[in-house]
Amino acid sequence: MYTGLLHLHSLLRWVILILAVLAIYQAFTKSNGLKKTSLWLLIAAHTTLLVGIYQWVVGNLGLKLIQASSMGEVMKNAATRFWVVEHFTGMLIGIILITIARGKVKKDNYKAASWLYVIALLIILVTIPWPFRAGIGRGWFPGMD
């Protein structure tokens, strides 16, 4: 089950990235489709968050890592710090911004929503474990590790 959820988590990353880019474009052009896009982006982001929280609690790269050593030891190692703190915190901030932007879209405040989506996308891009990141990289697609 854990592997399946990990694959879902990795696959949803692409859904979020595509929808975020689309939402940014639609917000800047004030497209009518933004309301639906922002809803699907919100659903994908929150689903990914729930799967990620489960992985953090049950998997070996979160709570169990802290319990096996100390938080001080986790923070000294760049790879473990990324999984325990940086990835989780960055994604949480990105998803909070997506949620706030969705509220702005519902109120037809597209200018504010567009910048919130841009900031959220940048934070998410920085905290994704891309394959080229030494020590923490994951495959481009599920199962490609």
C-alpha atoms as a PDB file:
ATOM      1  CA  MET A   1       0.000   0.000   0.000  1.00  0.00           C
ATOM      2  CA  TYR A   2       2.817   2.386   0.857  1.00  0.00           C
ATOM      3  CA  THR A   3       4.399   1.946  -2.587  1.00  0.00           C
ATOM      4  CA  GLY A   4       1.089   2.584  -4.316  1.00  0.00           C
ATOM      5  CA  LEU A   5       0.547   5.770  -2.325  1.00  0.00           C
ATOM      6  CA  LEU A   6       4.108   6.869  -3.074  1.00  0.00           C
ATOM      7  CA  HIS A   7       3.396   6.421  -6.798  1.00  0.00           C
ATOM      8  CA  LEU A   8       0.126   8.357  -6.452  1.00  0.00           C
ATOM      9  CA  HIS A   9       1.974  11.117  -4.595  1.00  0.00           C
ATOM     10  CA  SER A  10       4.597  11.299  -7.355  1.00  0.00           C
ATOM     11  CA  LEU A  11       2.007  11.255 -10.127  1.00  0.00           C
ATOM     12  CA  LEU A  12      -0.078  13.990  -8.514  1.00  0.00           C
ATOM     13  CA  ARG A  13       3.022  16.208  -8.534  1.00  0.00           C
ATOM     14  CA  TRP A  14       2.655  16.465 -12.319  1.00  0.00           C
ATOM     15  CA  VAL A  15      -1.068  17.151 -12.072  1.00  0.00           C
ATOM     16  CA  ILE A  16      -0.381  19.993  -9.634  1.00  0.00           C
ATOM     17  CA  LEU A  17       2.394  21.472 -11.763  1.00  0.00           C
ATOM     18  CA  ILE A  18       0.297  21.404 -14.943  1.00  0.00           C
ATOM     19  CA  LEU A  19      -2.783  22.831 -13.225  1.00  0.00           C
ATOM     20  CA  ALA A  20      -0.711  25.511 -11.460  1.00  0.00           C
ATOM     21  CA  VAL A  21       0.805  26.704 -14.744  1.00  0.00           C
ATOM     22  CA  LEU A  22      -2.651  26.678 -16.324  1.00  0.00           C
ATOM     23  CA  ALA A  23      -4.128  28.568 -13.354  1.00  0.00           C
ATOM     24  CA  ILE A  24      -1.393  31.204 -13.571  1.00  0.00           C
ATOM     25  CA  TYR A  25      -2.046  31.701 -17.281  1.00  0.00           C
ATOM     26  CA  GLN A  26      -5.811  31.865 -16.741  1.00  0.00           C
ATOM     27  CA  ALA A  27      -5.464  34.276 -13.817  1.00  0.00           C
ATOM     28  CA  PHE A  28      -3.257  36.675 -15.779  1.00  0.00           C
ATOM     29  CA  THR A  29      -5.601  36.526 -18.790  1.00  0.00           C
ATOM     30  CA  LYS A  30      -8.723  36.631 -16.584  1.00  0.00           C
ATOM     31  CA  SER A  31     -10.100  33.506 -18.228  1.00  0.00           C
ATOM     32  CA  ASN A  32     -13.519  32.164 -17.247  1.00  0.00           C
ATOM     33  CA  GLY A  33     -12.045  28.663 -16.915  1.00  0.00           C
ATOM     34  CA  LEU A  34     -10.000  29.650 -13.871  1.00  0.00           C
ATOM     35  CA  LYS A  35     -12.753  28.776 -11.412  1.00  0.00           C
ATOM     36  CA  LYS A  36     -12.784  25.126 -12.530  1.00  0.00           C
ATOM     37  CA  THR A  37      -9.010  24.922 -12.865  1.00  0.00           C
ATOM     38  CA  SER A  38      -8.493  26.377  -9.406  1.00  0.00           C
ATOM     39  CA  LEU A  39     -10.938  23.872  -7.933  1.00  0.00           C
ATOM     40  CA  TRP A  40      -9.141  20.908  -9.555  1.00  0.00           C
ATOM     41  CA  LEU A  41      -5.804  22.324  -8.446  1.00  0.00           C
ATOM     42  CA  LEU A  42      -7.095  22.628  -4.891  1.00  0.00           C
ATOM     43  CA  ILE A  43      -8.399  19.040  -4.934  1.00  0.00           C
ATOM     44  CA  ALA A  44      -5.126  17.669  -6.329  1.00  0.00           C
ATOM     45  CA  ALA A  45      -3.035  19.659  -3.843  1.00  0.00           C
ATOM     46  CA  HIS A  46      -5.068  18.608  -0.814  1.00  0.00           C
ATOM     47  CA  THR A  47      -5.138  14.970  -1.919  1.00  0.00           C
ATOM     48  CA  THR A  48      -1.363  15.053  -2.329  1.00  0.00           C
ATOM     49  CA  LEU A  49      -1.041  16.652   1.104  1.00  0.00           C
ATOM     50  CA  LEU A  50      -3.102  13.914   2.754  1.00  0.00           C
ATOM     51  CA  VAL A  51      -1.095  11.179   1.038  1.00  0.00           C
ATOM     52  CA  GLY A  52       2.131  12.982   1.979  1.00  0.00           C
ATOM     53  CA  ILE A  53       1.147  13.283   5.638  1.00  0.00           C
ATOM     54  CA  TYR A  54       0.404   9.548   5.698  1.00  0.00           C
ATOM     55  CA  GLN A  55       3.800   8.838   4.141  1.00  0.00           C
ATOM     56  CA  TRP A  56       5.539  11.140   6.612  1.00  0.00           C
ATOM     57  CA  VAL A  57       3.936   9.398   9.594  1.00  0.00           C
ATOM     58  CA  VAL A  58       4.135   5.778   8.364  1.00  0.00           C
ATOM     59  CA  GLY A  59       7.169   5.825   6.052  1.00  0.00           C
ATOM     60  CA  ASN A  60      10.869   5.739   6.837  1.00  0.00           C
ATOM     61  CA  LEU A  61      11.568   9.336   5.778  1.00  0.00           C
ATOM     62  CA  GLY A  62       9.581  11.214   8.402  1.00  0.00           C
ATOM     63  CA  LEU A  63       8.520  10.505  11.937  1.00  0.00           C
ATOM     64  CA  LYS A  64      10.349   7.152  12.090  1.00  0.00           C
ATOM     65  CA  LEU A  65      13.576   8.886  11.098  1.00  0.00           C
ATOM     66  CA  ILE A  66      13.217  11.307  14.000  1.00  0.00           C
ATOM     67  CA  GLN A  67      12.417   8.463  16.394  1.00  0.00           C
ATOM     68  CA  ALA A  68      15.411   6.386  15.206  1.00  0.00           C
ATOM     69  CA  SER A  69      17.830   9.235  15.901  1.00  0.00           C
ATOM     70  CA  SER A  70      17.324  12.660  17.391  1.00  0.00           C
ATOM     71  CA  MET A  71      16.008  15.784  15.719  1.00  0.00           C
ATOM     72  CA  GLY A  72      19.471  17.273  16.125  1.00  0.00           C
ATOM     73  CA  GLU A  73      20.994  14.412  14.129  1.00  0.00           C
ATOM     74  CA  VAL A  74      18.321  14.731  11.469  1.00  0.00           C
ATOM     75  CA  MET A  75      19.049  18.455  11.091  1.00  0.00           C
ATOM     76  CA  LYS A  76      22.807  17.866  10.669  1.00  0.00           C
ATOM     77  CA  ASN A  77      22.297  15.713   7.558  1.00  0.00           C
ATOM     78  CA  ALA A  78      21.105  17.593   4.452  1.00  0.00           C
ATOM     79  CA  ALA A  79      19.240  14.601   2.974  1.00  0.00           C
ATOM     80  CA  THR A  80      17.347  13.687   6.144  1.00  0.00           C
ATOM     81  CA  ARG A  81      16.628  17.361   6.877  1.00  0.00           C
ATOM     82  CA  PHE A  82      15.110  17.689   3.402  1.00  0.00           C
ATOM     83  CA  TRP A  83      12.689  14.778   3.924  1.00  0.00           C
ATOM     84  CA  VAL A  84      11.783  15.480   7.547  1.00  0.00           C
ATOM     85  CA  VAL A  85      11.503  19.276   7.446  1.00  0.00           C
ATOM     86  CA  GLU A  86      12.104  21.079   4.147  1.00  0.00           C
ATOM     87  CA  HIS A  87       9.916  19.039   1.763  1.00  0.00           C
ATOM     88  CA  PHE A  88       7.012  18.879   4.201  1.00  0.00           C
ATOM     89  CA  THR A  89       7.196  22.570   5.174  1.00  0.00           C
ATOM     90  CA  GLY A  90       7.669  23.860   1.633  1.00  0.00           C
ATOM     91  CA  MET A  91       4.801  21.835   0.251  1.00  0.00           C
ATOM     92  CA  LEU A  92       2.542  22.819   3.135  1.00  0.00           C
ATOM     93  CA  ILE A  93       3.244  26.507   2.481  1.00  0.00           C
ATOM     94  CA  GLY A  94       2.636  26.008  -1.251  1.00  0.00           C
ATOM     95  CA  ILE A  95      -0.683  24.271  -0.619  1.00  0.00           C
ATOM     96  CA  ILE A  96      -1.759  26.982   1.834  1.00  0.00           C
ATOM     97  CA  LEU A  97      -1.046  29.590  -0.855  1.00  0.00           C
ATOM     98  CA  ILE A  98      -3.030  27.560  -3.406  1.00  0.00           C
ATOM     99  CA  THR A  99      -5.934  27.442  -0.945  1.00  0.00           C
ATOM    100  CA  ILE A 100      -5.802  31.212  -0.357  1.00  0.00           C
ATOM    101  CA  ALA A 101      -5.583  31.811  -4.113  1.00  0.00           C
ATOM    102  CA  ARG A 102      -8.678  29.673  -4.648  1.00  0.00           C
ATOM    103  CA  GLY A 103     -10.542  31.972  -2.250  1.00  0.00           C
ATOM    104  CA  LYS A 104      -9.357  34.987  -4.236  1.00  0.00           C
ATOM    105  CA  VAL A 105     -10.559  33.368  -7.477  1.00  0.00           C
ATOM    106  CA  LYS A 106     -14.005  32.796  -5.961  1.00  0.00           C
ATOM    107  CA  LYS A 107     -14.132  36.543  -5.188  1.00  0.00           C
ATOM    108  CA  ASP A 108     -12.975  37.378  -8.741  1.00  0.00           C
ATOM    109  CA  ASN A 109      -9.701  38.881  -7.464  1.00  0.00           C
ATOM    110  CA  TYR A 110      -7.625  37.389 -10.285  1.00  0.00           C
ATOM    111  CA  LYS A 111      -4.628  39.684  -9.822  1.00  0.00           C
ATOM    112  CA  ALA A 112      -4.012  38.552  -6.250  1.00  0.00           C
ATOM    113  CA  ALA A 113      -4.709  34.932  -7.174  1.00  0.00           C
ATOM    114  CA  SER A 114      -2.211  35.026 -10.037  1.00  0.00           C
ATOM    115  CA  TRP A 115       0.643  36.148  -7.793  1.00  0.00           C
ATOM    116  CA  LEU A 116      -0.282  33.676  -5.082  1.00  0.00           C
ATOM    117  CA  TYR A 117      -0.195  30.898  -7.676  1.00  0.00           C
ATOM    118  CA  VAL A 118       3.198  32.073  -8.941  1.00  0.00           C
ATOM    119  CA  ILE A 119       4.685  32.078  -5.436  1.00  0.00           C
ATOM    120  CA  ALA A 120       3.118  28.694  -4.637  1.00  0.00           C
ATOM    121  CA  LEU A 121       4.498  27.197  -7.857  1.00  0.00           C
ATOM    122  CA  LEU A 122       7.994  28.507  -7.134  1.00  0.00           C
ATOM    123  CA  ILE A 123       7.967  27.082  -3.601  1.00  0.00           C
ATOM    124  CA  ILE A 124       6.677  23.741  -4.854  1.00  0.00           C
ATOM    125  CA  LEU A 125       9.305  23.588  -7.615  1.00  0.00           C
ATOM    126  CA  VAL A 126      12.086  24.221  -5.095  1.00  0.00           C
ATOM    127  CA  THR A 127      10.905  21.544  -2.663  1.00  0.00           C
ATOM    128  CA  ILE A 128      10.251  18.720  -5.148  1.00  0.00           C
ATOM    129  CA  PRO A 129      12.882  15.944  -4.949  1.00  0.00           C
ATOM    130  CA  TRP A 130      13.924  16.236  -8.609  1.00  0.00           C
ATOM    131  CA  PRO A 131      16.092  13.403 -10.008  1.00  0.00           C
ATOM    132  CA  PHE A 132      19.106  15.705 -10.399  1.00  0.00           C
ATOM    133  CA  ARG A 133      19.195  16.612  -6.686  1.00  0.00           C
ATOM    134  CA  ALA A 134      22.041  14.655  -5.145  1.00  0.00           C
ATOM    135  CA  GLY A 135      21.084  12.417  -2.239  1.00  0.00           C
ATOM    136  CA  ILE A 136      17.360  13.167  -2.340  1.00  0.00           C
ATOM    137  CA  GLY A 137      16.374  12.797  -5.983  1.00  0.00           C
ATOM    138  CA  ARG A 138      13.428  10.674  -7.057  1.00  0.00           C
ATOM    139  CA  GLY A 139      12.507   9.549 -10.567  1.00  0.00           C
ATOM    140  CA  TRP A 140      10.711  11.776 -13.067  1.00  0.00           C
ATOM    141  CA  PHE A 141       7.703   9.471 -12.975  1.00  0.00           C
ATOM    142  CA  PRO A 142       6.513   6.808 -10.489  1.00  0.00           C
ATOM    143  CA  GLY A 143       8.611   3.650 -10.593  1.00  0.00           C
ATOM    144  CA  MET A 144      11.571   5.297 -12.319  1.00  0.00           C
ATOM    145  CA  ASP A 145      13.829   5.526  -9.250  1.00  0.00           C
END
